[in-house]
Protein backbone atom coordinates (compact mmCIF):
# COMPACT_ATOMS: atom_id res chain seq x y z
CA MET A 1 -53.84 -12.81 -31.42
CA ASP A 2 -50.00 -12.24 -31.74
CA ILE A 3 -47.48 -14.75 -30.51
CA THR A 4 -46.88 -12.85 -27.05
CA THR A 5 -50.52 -13.04 -25.99
CA LEU A 6 -50.69 -16.42 -27.06
CA GLU A 7 -47.65 -17.37 -24.65
CA LYS A 8 -49.17 -15.38 -21.64
CA ALA A 9 -52.59 -17.08 -22.38
CA ASN A 10 -50.78 -20.65 -22.05
CA LYS A 11 -48.95 -19.53 -18.88
CA LEU A 12 -52.32 -18.38 -17.16
CA ASN A 13 -54.19 -21.68 -18.28
CA LYS A 14 -51.01 -23.49 -16.87
CA LYS A 15 -51.36 -21.89 -13.65
CA ILE A 16 -55.19 -21.86 -13.35
CA LYS A 17 -54.76 -25.84 -14.08
CA GLU A 18 -52.17 -25.82 -11.26
CA PHE A 19 -54.17 -23.97 -8.64
CA SER A 20 -56.90 -26.27 -9.82
CA GLU A 21 -55.46 -29.54 -8.87
CA ALA A 22 -54.05 -27.96 -5.27
CA LEU A 23 -57.54 -27.34 -4.68
CA ASN A 24 -58.07 -31.14 -4.94
CA CYS A 25 -56.50 -31.69 -2.09
CA PHE A 26 -59.05 -29.84 -0.39
CA GLU A 27 -62.08 -30.26 -1.99
CA TRP A 28 -63.35 -32.88 -4.55
CA GLN A 29 -66.43 -31.61 -7.35
CA PRO A 30 -67.52 -35.07 -8.94
CA GLU A 31 -69.36 -33.19 -11.75
CA GLU A 32 -68.57 -30.03 -13.28
CA ASN A 33 -71.79 -28.38 -11.90
CA ALA A 34 -72.05 -30.50 -8.69
CA LYS A 35 -71.41 -29.04 -4.93
CA ALA A 36 -67.87 -29.28 -3.92
CA ILE A 37 -67.23 -32.10 -1.53
CA SER A 38 -64.81 -31.70 1.32
CA THR A 39 -61.85 -34.22 1.31
CA ASN A 40 -61.55 -33.14 5.15
CA PRO A 41 -57.96 -32.96 4.89
CA ARG A 42 -55.53 -32.73 7.72
CA ILE A 43 -52.02 -31.23 8.05
CA ILE A 44 -49.53 -33.57 9.10
CA ILE A 45 -45.68 -32.70 9.19
CA GLU A 46 -43.18 -35.11 7.94
CA PHE A 47 -39.46 -35.32 9.04
CA ASP A 48 -36.43 -37.52 8.82
CA CYS A 49 -34.96 -38.41 12.12
CA ASP A 50 -33.32 -41.80 12.40
CA GLY A 51 -36.07 -42.78 10.34
CA ARG A 52 -38.89 -41.04 8.71
CA GLU A 53 -42.01 -39.65 10.96
CA GLN A 54 -44.83 -37.73 10.84
CA LEU A 55 -46.29 -35.64 13.72
CA PRO A 56 -50.06 -34.51 12.63
CA LEU A 57 -50.63 -31.03 13.95
CA PRO A 58 -53.65 -30.74 16.35
CA MET A 59 -56.95 -30.24 14.66
CA ASN A 60 -57.90 -27.18 15.61
CA LEU A 61 -54.40 -25.63 13.94
CA SER A 62 -54.57 -27.77 10.74
CA ASP A 63 -58.52 -26.60 10.16
CA GLU A 64 -57.18 -22.88 10.39
CA LEU A 65 -54.20 -23.99 8.06
CA VAL A 66 -56.41 -25.55 5.86
CA LYS A 67 -58.90 -22.94 5.47
CA PHE A 68 -56.29 -20.25 4.86
CA LEU A 69 -54.45 -22.67 2.28
CA LYS A 70 -57.69 -23.30 0.47
CA ASN A 71 -58.79 -19.73 0.54
CA GLU A 72 -55.58 -18.45 -0.89
CA ILE A 73 -55.61 -21.04 -3.56
CA ILE A 74 -58.82 -19.89 -4.49
CA LYS A 75 -57.98 -16.17 -4.82
CA GLY A 76 -54.60 -17.44 -6.91
CA ARG A 77 -56.81 -19.11 -9.34
CA ASP A 78 -59.07 -16.41 -9.65
CA ILE A 79 -56.58 -13.80 -10.21
CA ALA A 80 -55.12 -15.77 -12.60
CA VAL A 81 -58.97 -16.43 -14.69
CA ALA A 82 -59.05 -12.54 -14.47
CA GLU A 83 -55.87 -11.73 -16.42
CA PHE A 84 -56.61 -15.03 -18.63
CA ASN A 85 -60.33 -13.66 -19.50
CA ALA A 86 -58.63 -9.85 -20.11
CA LEU A 87 -56.67 -10.90 -22.62
């Protein structure tokens, strides 16, 4: 393995770890082969307007955005894993 391939593998490995950590916001897997458990996340918008305030999104919109974000994270992780395995 040459240095360029090794550097690319390290970058992809870091990317895979970041995707996996991001996925932990949406589900938790207690053991390697155990089924993932949802953390039931809700999306909250936080803004600073004469003090910090939080505005929870309506549940149906939050649920749809959570599904979308989770699927995009999984897609990105799977692409990075495939690239890593192709090295």
